């Protein structure tokens, strides 16, 4: 039982340490997410920030986050 617990603890540490990066809009929006599906970082290039087209930025962020989730799964 102790070995199983140690193995489980090790697996959980590995999941927490795992990170992936995904991007959208040709790299204009980049996200980094860890194995527990927590957003570690979000980078947005200035060129994609347009106050008259917030929907496009929202779509790019959503696409990048969803791609990171797929990579973790």
PDB file of N, CA and C in Angstrom:
ATOM      1  N   UNK A   1       0.824  -1.203   0.000  1.00  0.00           N
ATOM      2  CA  UNK A   1       0.000   0.000   0.000  1.00  0.00           C
ATOM      3  C   UNK A   1       0.866   1.264   0.000  1.00  0.00           C
ATOM      4  N   UNK A   2       2.006   1.192   0.741  1.00  0.00           N
ATOM      5  CA  UNK A   2       2.897   2.355   0.775  1.00  0.00           C
ATOM      6  C   UNK A   2       3.521   2.598  -0.589  1.00  0.00           C
ATOM      7  N   UNK A   3       3.877   1.522  -1.290  1.00  0.00           N
ATOM      8  CA  UNK A   3       4.455   1.673  -2.625  1.00  0.00           C
ATOM      9  C   UNK A   3       3.435   2.277  -3.584  1.00  0.00           C
ATOM     10  N   UNK A   4       2.187   1.823  -3.483  1.00  0.00           N
ATOM     11  CA  UNK A   4       1.144   2.370  -4.346  1.00  0.00           C
ATOM     12  C   UNK A   4       0.952   3.858  -4.076  1.00  0.00           C
ATOM     13  N   UNK A   5       0.970   4.245  -2.809  1.00  0.00           N
ATOM     14  CA  UNK A   5       0.825   5.658  -2.465  1.00  0.00           C
ATOM     15  C   UNK A   5       2.011   6.462  -2.990  1.00  0.00           C
ATOM     16  N   UNK A   6       3.206   5.913  -2.860  1.00  0.00           N
ATOM     17  CA  UNK A   6       4.403   6.598  -3.369  1.00  0.00           C
ATOM     18  C   UNK A   6       4.316   6.744  -4.882  1.00  0.00           C
ATOM     19  N   UNK A   7       3.866   5.694  -5.563  1.00  0.00           N
ATOM     20  CA  UNK A   7       3.711   5.755  -7.020  1.00  0.00           C
ATOM     21  C   UNK A   7       2.665   6.794  -7.417  1.00  0.00           C
ATOM     22  N   UNK A   8       1.570   6.837  -6.675  1.00  0.00           N
ATOM     23  CA  UNK A   8       0.518   7.813  -6.954  1.00  0.00           C
ATOM     24  C   UNK A   8       1.021   9.234  -6.726  1.00  0.00           C
ATOM     25  N   UNK A   9       1.745   9.444  -5.619  1.00  0.00           N
ATOM     26  CA  UNK A   9       2.310  10.771  -5.344  1.00  0.00           C
ATOM     27  C   UNK A   9       3.263  11.198  -6.456  1.00  0.00           C
ATOM     28  N   UNK A  10       4.088  10.269  -6.920  1.00  0.00           N
ATOM     29  CA  UNK A  10       5.033  10.572  -8.001  1.00  0.00           C
ATOM     30  C   UNK A  10       4.284  10.931  -9.291  1.00  0.00           C
ATOM     31  N   UNK A  11       3.241  10.169  -9.599  1.00  0.00           N
ATOM     32  CA  UNK A  11       2.448  10.434 -10.805  1.00  0.00           C
ATOM     33  C   UNK A  11       1.790  11.808 -10.727  1.00  0.00           C
ATOM     34  N   UNK A  12       1.287  12.167  -9.546  1.00  0.00           N
ATOM     35  CA  UNK A  12       0.661  13.481  -9.389  1.00  0.00           C
ATOM     36  C   UNK A  12       1.687  14.599  -9.559  1.00  0.00           C
ATOM     37  N   UNK A  13       2.892  14.401  -9.059  1.00  0.00           N
ATOM     38  CA  UNK A  13       3.950  15.396  -9.231  1.00  0.00           C
ATOM     39  C   UNK A  13       4.294  15.562 -10.706  1.00  0.00           C
ATOM     40  N   UNK A  14       4.342  14.445 -11.428  1.00  0.00           N
ATOM     41  CA  UNK A  14       4.651  14.500 -12.862  1.00  0.00           C
ATOM     42  C   UNK A  14       3.563  15.242 -13.623  1.00  0.00           C
ATOM     43  N   UNK A  15       2.309  15.015 -13.255  1.00  0.00           N
ATOM     44  CA  UNK A  15       1.194  15.708 -13.908  1.00  0.00           C
ATOM     45  C   UNK A  15       1.310  17.211 -13.655  1.00  0.00           C
ATOM     46  N   UNK A  16       1.602  17.589 -12.414  1.00  0.00           N
ATOM     47  CA  UNK A  16       1.716  19.004 -12.080  1.00  0.00           C
ATOM     48  C   UNK A  16       2.899  19.652 -12.805  1.00  0.00           C
ATOM     49  N   UNK A  17       3.974  18.902 -12.997  1.00  0.00           N
ATOM     50  CA  UNK A  17       5.170  19.454 -13.639  1.00  0.00           C
ATOM     51  C   UNK A  17       5.016  19.551 -15.160  1.00  0.00           C
ATOM     52  N   UNK A  18       4.135  18.744 -15.742  1.00  0.00           N
ATOM     53  CA  UNK A  18       3.946  18.742 -17.191  1.00  0.00           C
ATOM     54  C   UNK A  18       3.353  20.077 -17.642  1.00  0.00           C
ATOM     55  N   UNK A  19       3.908  20.640 -18.704  1.00  0.00           N
ATOM     56  CA  UNK A  19       3.354  21.857 -19.291  1.00  0.00           C
ATOM     57  C   UNK A  19       3.339  21.713 -20.800  1.00  0.00           C
ATOM     58  N   UNK A  20       2.363  22.358 -21.417  1.00  0.00           N
ATOM     59  CA  UNK A  20       2.295  22.394 -22.866  1.00  0.00           C
ATOM     60  C   UNK A  20       1.974  23.814 -23.295  1.00  0.00           C
ATOM     61  N   UNK A  21       2.374  24.123 -24.515  1.00  0.00           N
ATOM     62  CA  UNK A  21       2.076  25.443 -25.068  1.00  0.00           C
ATOM     63  C   UNK A  21       1.262  25.252 -26.336  1.00  0.00           C
ATOM     64  N   UNK A  22       0.297  26.125 -26.533  1.00  0.00           N
ATOM     65  CA  UNK A  22      -0.512  26.108 -27.747  1.00  0.00           C
ATOM     66  C   UNK A  22      -0.672  27.545 -28.206  1.00  0.00           C
ATOM     67  N   UNK A  23      -0.978  27.694 -29.488  1.00  0.00           N
ATOM     68  CA  UNK A  23      -1.110  29.041 -30.040  1.00  0.00           C
ATOM     69  C   UNK A  23      -2.240  29.110 -31.052  1.00  0.00           C
ATOM     70  N   UNK A  24      -2.631  30.327 -31.337  1.00  0.00           N
ATOM     71  CA  UNK A  24      -3.674  30.578 -32.331  1.00  0.00           C
ATOM     72  C   UNK A  24      -3.298  31.855 -33.075  1.00  0.00           C
ATOM     73  N   UNK A  25      -3.888  32.018 -34.233  1.00  0.00           N
ATOM     74  CA  UNK A  25      -3.629  33.216 -35.025  1.00  0.00           C
ATOM     75  C   UNK A  25      -2.178  33.313 -35.474  1.00  0.00           C
ATOM     76  N   UNK A  26      -1.598  32.174 -35.820  1.00  0.00           N
ATOM     77  CA  UNK A  26      -0.217  32.185 -36.278  1.00  0.00           C
ATOM     78  C   UNK A  26       0.764  32.613 -35.193  1.00  0.00           C
ATOM     79  N   UNK A  27       0.434  32.315 -33.952  1.00  0.00           N
ATOM     80  CA  UNK A  27       1.307  32.648 -32.837  1.00  0.00           C
ATOM     81  C   UNK A  27       1.005  33.989 -32.194  1.00  0.00           C
ATOM     82  N   UNK A  28      -0.035  34.654 -32.649  1.00  0.00           N
ATOM     83  CA  UNK A  28      -0.387  35.956 -32.078  1.00  0.00           C
ATOM     84  C   UNK A  28      -0.916  35.816 -30.651  1.00  0.00           C
ATOM     85  N   UNK A  29      -1.513  34.667 -30.345  1.00  0.00           N
ATOM     86  CA  UNK A  29      -1.972  34.365 -28.991  1.00  0.00           C
ATOM     87  C   UNK A  29      -1.350  33.027 -28.600  1.00  0.00           C
ATOM     88  N   UNK A  30      -0.636  33.023 -27.478  1.00  0.00           N
ATOM     89  CA  UNK A  30       0.015  31.813 -26.990  1.00  0.00           C
ATOM     90  C   UNK A  30      -0.389  31.577 -25.536  1.00  0.00           C
ATOM     91  N   UNK A  31      -0.677  30.321 -25.232  1.00  0.00           N
ATOM     92  CA  UNK A  31      -0.998  29.956 -23.860  1.00  0.00           C
ATOM     93  C   UNK A  31      -0.096  28.815 -23.413  1.00  0.00           C
ATOM     94  N   UNK A  32       0.161  28.787 -22.138  1.00  0.00           N
ATOM     95  CA  UNK A  32       0.914  27.697 -21.523  1.00  0.00           C
ATOM     96  C   UNK A  32       0.038  27.166 -20.388  1.00  0.00           C
ATOM     97  N   UNK A  33      -0.143  25.829 -20.384  1.00  0.00           N
ATOM     98  CA  UNK A  33      -1.036  25.202 -19.415  1.00  0.00           C
ATOM     99  C   UNK A  33      -0.316  24.005 -18.801  1.00  0.00           C
ATOM    100  N   UNK A  34      -0.564  23.779 -17.496  1.00  0.00           N
ATOM    101  CA  UNK A  34       0.071  22.622 -16.870  1.00  0.00           C
ATOM    102  C   UNK A  34      -0.859  21.419 -16.929  1.00  0.00           C
ATOM    103  N   UNK A  35      -0.354  20.289 -16.445  1.00  0.00           N
ATOM    104  CA  UNK A  35      -1.090  19.033 -16.516  1.00  0.00           C
ATOM    105  C   UNK A  35      -2.361  18.998 -15.692  1.00  0.00           C
ATOM    106  N   UNK A  36      -2.539  19.970 -14.814  1.00  0.00           N
ATOM    107  CA  UNK A  36      -3.773  20.044 -14.025  1.00  0.00           C
ATOM    108  C   UNK A  36      -4.755  21.038 -14.650  1.00  0.00           C
ATOM    109  N   UNK A  37      -4.506  21.393 -15.907  1.00  0.00           N
ATOM    110  CA  UNK A  37      -5.373  22.290 -16.677  1.00  0.00           C
ATOM    111  C   UNK A  37      -5.412  23.705 -16.110  1.00  0.00           C
ATOM    112  N   UNK A  38      -4.341  24.114 -15.436  1.00  0.00           N
ATOM    113  CA  UNK A  38      -4.248  25.493 -14.961  1.00  0.00           C
ATOM    114  C   UNK A  38      -3.487  26.312 -15.977  1.00  0.00           C
ATOM    115  N   UNK A  39      -4.020  27.474 -16.299  1.00  0.00           N
ATOM    116  CA  UNK A  39      -3.375  28.373 -17.240  1.00  0.00           C
ATOM    117  C   UNK A  39      -2.153  28.978 -16.551  1.00  0.00           C
ATOM    118  N   UNK A  40      -0.973  28.720 -17.098  1.00  0.00           N
ATOM    119  CA  UNK A  40       0.279  29.195 -16.511  1.00  0.00           C
ATOM    120  C   UNK A  40       0.639  30.566 -17.075  1.00  0.00           C
ATOM    121  N   UNK A  41       0.437  30.731 -18.387  1.00  0.00           N
ATOM    122  CA  UNK A  41       0.729  32.030 -18.990  1.00  0.00           C
ATOM    123  C   UNK A  41      -0.157  32.257 -20.211  1.00  0.00           C
ATOM    124  N   UNK A  42      -0.339  33.513 -20.522  1.00  0.00           N
ATOM    125  CA  UNK A  42      -1.114  33.947 -21.686  1.00  0.00           C
ATOM    126  C   UNK A  42      -0.379  35.127 -22.293  1.00  0.00           C
ATOM    127  N   UNK A  43       0.074  34.982 -23.540  1.00  0.00           N
ATOM    128  CA  UNK A  43       0.775  36.055 -24.237  1.00  0.00           C
ATOM    129  C   UNK A  43      -0.038  36.472 -25.460  1.00  0.00           C
ATOM    130  N   UNK A  44      -0.251  37.775 -25.580  1.00  0.00           N
ATOM    131  CA  UNK A  44      -1.017  38.314 -26.705  1.00  0.00           C
ATOM    132  C   UNK A  44      -0.173  39.400 -27.360  1.00  0.00           C
ATOM    133  N   UNK A  45       0.064  39.263 -28.652  1.00  0.00           N
ATOM    134  CA  UNK A  45       0.823  40.270 -29.402  1.00  0.00           C
ATOM    135  C   UNK A  45      -0.026  41.531 -29.571  1.00  0.00           C
ATOM    136  N   UNK A  46       0.623  42.668 -29.524  1.00  0.00           N
ATOM    137  CA  UNK A  46      -0.081  43.955 -29.618  1.00  0.00           C
ATOM    138  C   UNK A  46      -0.909  44.078 -30.891  1.00  0.00           C
ATOM    139  N   UNK A  47      -0.415  43.513 -31.978  1.00  0.00           N
ATOM    140  CA  UNK A  47      -1.081  43.656 -33.272  1.00  0.00           C
ATOM    141  C   UNK A  47      -2.481  43.059 -33.299  1.00  0.00           C
ATOM    142  N   UNK A  48      -2.757  42.102 -32.418  1.00  0.00           N
ATOM    143  CA  UNK A  48      -4.058  41.435 -32.444  1.00  0.00           C
ATOM    144  C   UNK A  48      -5.075  42.134 -31.532  1.00  0.00           C
ATOM    145  N   UNK A  49      -4.628  43.119 -30.775  1.00  0.00           N
ATOM    146  CA  UNK A  49      -5.526  43.846 -29.876  1.00  0.00           C
ATOM    147  C   UNK A  49      -6.159  45.005 -30.643  1.00  0.00           C
ATOM    148  N   UNK A  50      -7.433  44.843 -30.950  1.00  0.00           N
ATOM    149  CA  UNK A  50      -8.177  45.853 -31.698  1.00  0.00           C
ATOM    150  C   UNK A  50      -9.480  46.106 -30.944  1.00  0.00           C
ATOM    151  N   UNK A  51      -9.617  47.284 -30.348  1.00  0.00           N
ATOM    152  CA  UNK A  51     -10.827  47.553 -29.567  1.00  0.00           C
ATOM    153  C   UNK A  51     -12.120  47.438 -30.377  1.00  0.00           C
ATOM    154  N   UNK A  52     -12.016  47.543 -31.709  1.00  0.00           N
ATOM    155  CA  UNK A  52     -13.194  47.437 -32.556  1.00  0.00           C
ATOM    156  C   UNK A  52     -13.521  45.989 -32.931  1.00  0.00           C
ATOM    157  N   UNK A  53     -12.650  45.056 -32.544  1.00  0.00           N
ATOM    158  CA  UNK A  53     -12.881  43.647 -32.886  1.00  0.00           C
ATOM    159  C   UNK A  53     -12.491  42.747 -31.712  1.00  0.00           C
ATOM    160  N   UNK A  54     -13.116  42.957 -30.596  1.00  0.00           N
ATOM    161  CA  UNK A  54     -12.853  42.162 -29.394  1.00  0.00           C
ATOM    162  C   UNK A  54     -13.212  40.691 -29.638  1.00  0.00           C
ATOM    163  N   UNK A  55     -14.208  40.432 -30.454  1.00  0.00           N
ATOM    164  CA  UNK A  55     -14.642  39.065 -30.716  1.00  0.00           C
ATOM    165  C   UNK A  55     -13.515  38.233 -31.308  1.00  0.00           C
ATOM    166  N   UNK A  56     -12.705  38.817 -32.197  1.00  0.00           N
ATOM    167  CA  UNK A  56     -11.610  38.074 -32.798  1.00  0.00           C
ATOM    168  C   UNK A  56     -10.596  37.676 -31.728  1.00  0.00           C
ATOM    169  N   UNK A  57     -10.258  38.588 -30.837  1.00  0.00           N
ATOM    170  CA  UNK A  57      -9.320  38.288 -29.766  1.00  0.00           C
ATOM    171  C   UNK A  57      -9.878  37.199 -28.853  1.00  0.00           C
ATOM    172  N   UNK A  58     -11.144  37.291 -28.530  1.00  0.00           N
ATOM    173  CA  UNK A  58     -11.774  36.265 -27.701  1.00  0.00           C
ATOM    174  C   UNK A  58     -11.705  34.897 -28.379  1.00  0.00           C
ATOM    175  N   UNK A  59     -11.967  34.862 -29.677  1.00  0.00           N
ATOM    176  CA  UNK A  59     -11.900  33.607 -30.430  1.00  0.00           C
ATOM    177  C   UNK A  59     -10.488  33.029 -30.429  1.00  0.00           C
ATOM    178  N   UNK A  60      -9.486  33.884 -30.580  1.00  0.00           N
ATOM    179  CA  UNK A  60      -8.097  33.413 -30.594  1.00  0.00           C
ATOM    180  C   UNK A  60      -7.687  32.858 -29.234  1.00  0.00           C
ATOM    181  N   UNK A  61      -8.071  33.544 -28.170  1.00  0.00           N
ATOM    182  CA  UNK A  61      -7.749  33.060 -26.821  1.00  0.00           C
ATOM    183  C   UNK A  61      -8.444  31.725 -26.581  1.00  0.00           C
ATOM    184  N   UNK A  62      -9.707  31.653 -26.936  1.00  0.00           N
ATOM    185  CA  UNK A  62     -10.468  30.410 -26.758  1.00  0.00           C
ATOM    186  C   UNK A  62      -9.823  29.269 -27.546  1.00  0.00           C
ATOM    187  N   UNK A  63      -9.429  29.527 -28.775  1.00  0.00           N
ATOM    188  CA  UNK A  63      -8.825  28.496 -29.611  1.00  0.00           C
ATOM    189  C   UNK A  63      -7.498  28.013 -29.022  1.00  0.00           C
ATOM    190  N   UNK A  64      -6.681  28.924 -28.539  1.00  0.00           N
ATOM    191  CA  UNK A  64      -5.395  28.539 -27.963  1.00  0.00           C
ATOM    192  C   UNK A  64      -5.586  27.726 -26.684  1.00  0.00           C
ATOM    193  N   UNK A  65      -6.495  28.145 -25.828  1.00  0.00           N
ATOM    194  CA  UNK A  65      -6.755  27.416 -24.582  1.00  0.00           C
ATOM    195  C   UNK A  65      -7.301  26.024 -24.901  1.00  0.00           C
ATOM    196  N   UNK A  66      -8.237  25.936 -25.824  1.00  0.00           N
ATOM    197  CA  UNK A  66      -8.805  24.638 -26.175  1.00  0.00           C
ATOM    198  C   UNK A  66      -7.749  23.707 -26.768  1.00  0.00           C
ATOM    199  N   UNK A  67      -6.839  24.239 -27.557  1.00  0.00           N
ATOM    200  CA  UNK A  67      -5.767  23.423 -28.126  1.00  0.00           C
ATOM    201  C   UNK A  67      -4.850  22.905 -27.012  1.00  0.00           C
ATOM    202  N   UNK A  68      -4.560  23.733 -26.025  1.00  0.00           N
ATOM    203  CA  UNK A  68      -3.734  23.279 -24.902  1.00  0.00           C
ATOM    204  C   UNK A  68      -4.433  22.161 -24.138  1.00  0.00           C
ATOM    205  N   UNK A  69      -5.732  22.289 -23.936  1.00  0.00           N
ATOM    206  CA  UNK A  69      -6.494  21.242 -23.239  1.00  0.00           C
ATOM    207  C   UNK A  69      -6.418  19.932 -24.020  1.00  0.00           C
ATOM    208  N   UNK A  70      -6.577  19.993 -25.331  1.00  0.00           N
ATOM    209  CA  UNK A  70      -6.502  18.786 -26.154  1.00  0.00           C
ATOM    210  C   UNK A  70      -5.130  18.137 -26.016  1.00  0.00           C
ATOM    211  N   UNK A  71      -4.075  18.938 -25.996  1.00  0.00           N
ATOM    212  CA  UNK A  71      -2.725  18.381 -25.875  1.00  0.00           C
ATOM    213  C   UNK A  71      -2.507  17.714 -24.529  1.00  0.00           C
ATOM    214  N   UNK A  72      -3.095  18.246 -23.486  1.00  0.00           N
ATOM    215  CA  UNK A  72      -2.943  17.641 -22.157  1.00  0.00           C
ATOM    216  C   UNK A  72      -3.732  16.345 -22.069  1.00  0.00           C
ATOM    217  N   UNK A  73      -4.944  16.356 -22.615  1.00  0.00           N
ATOM    218  CA  UNK A  73      -5.772  15.147 -22.562  1.00  0.00           C
ATOM    219  C   UNK A  73      -5.085  14.014 -23.284  1.00  0.00           C
TER     220      UNK A  73
END
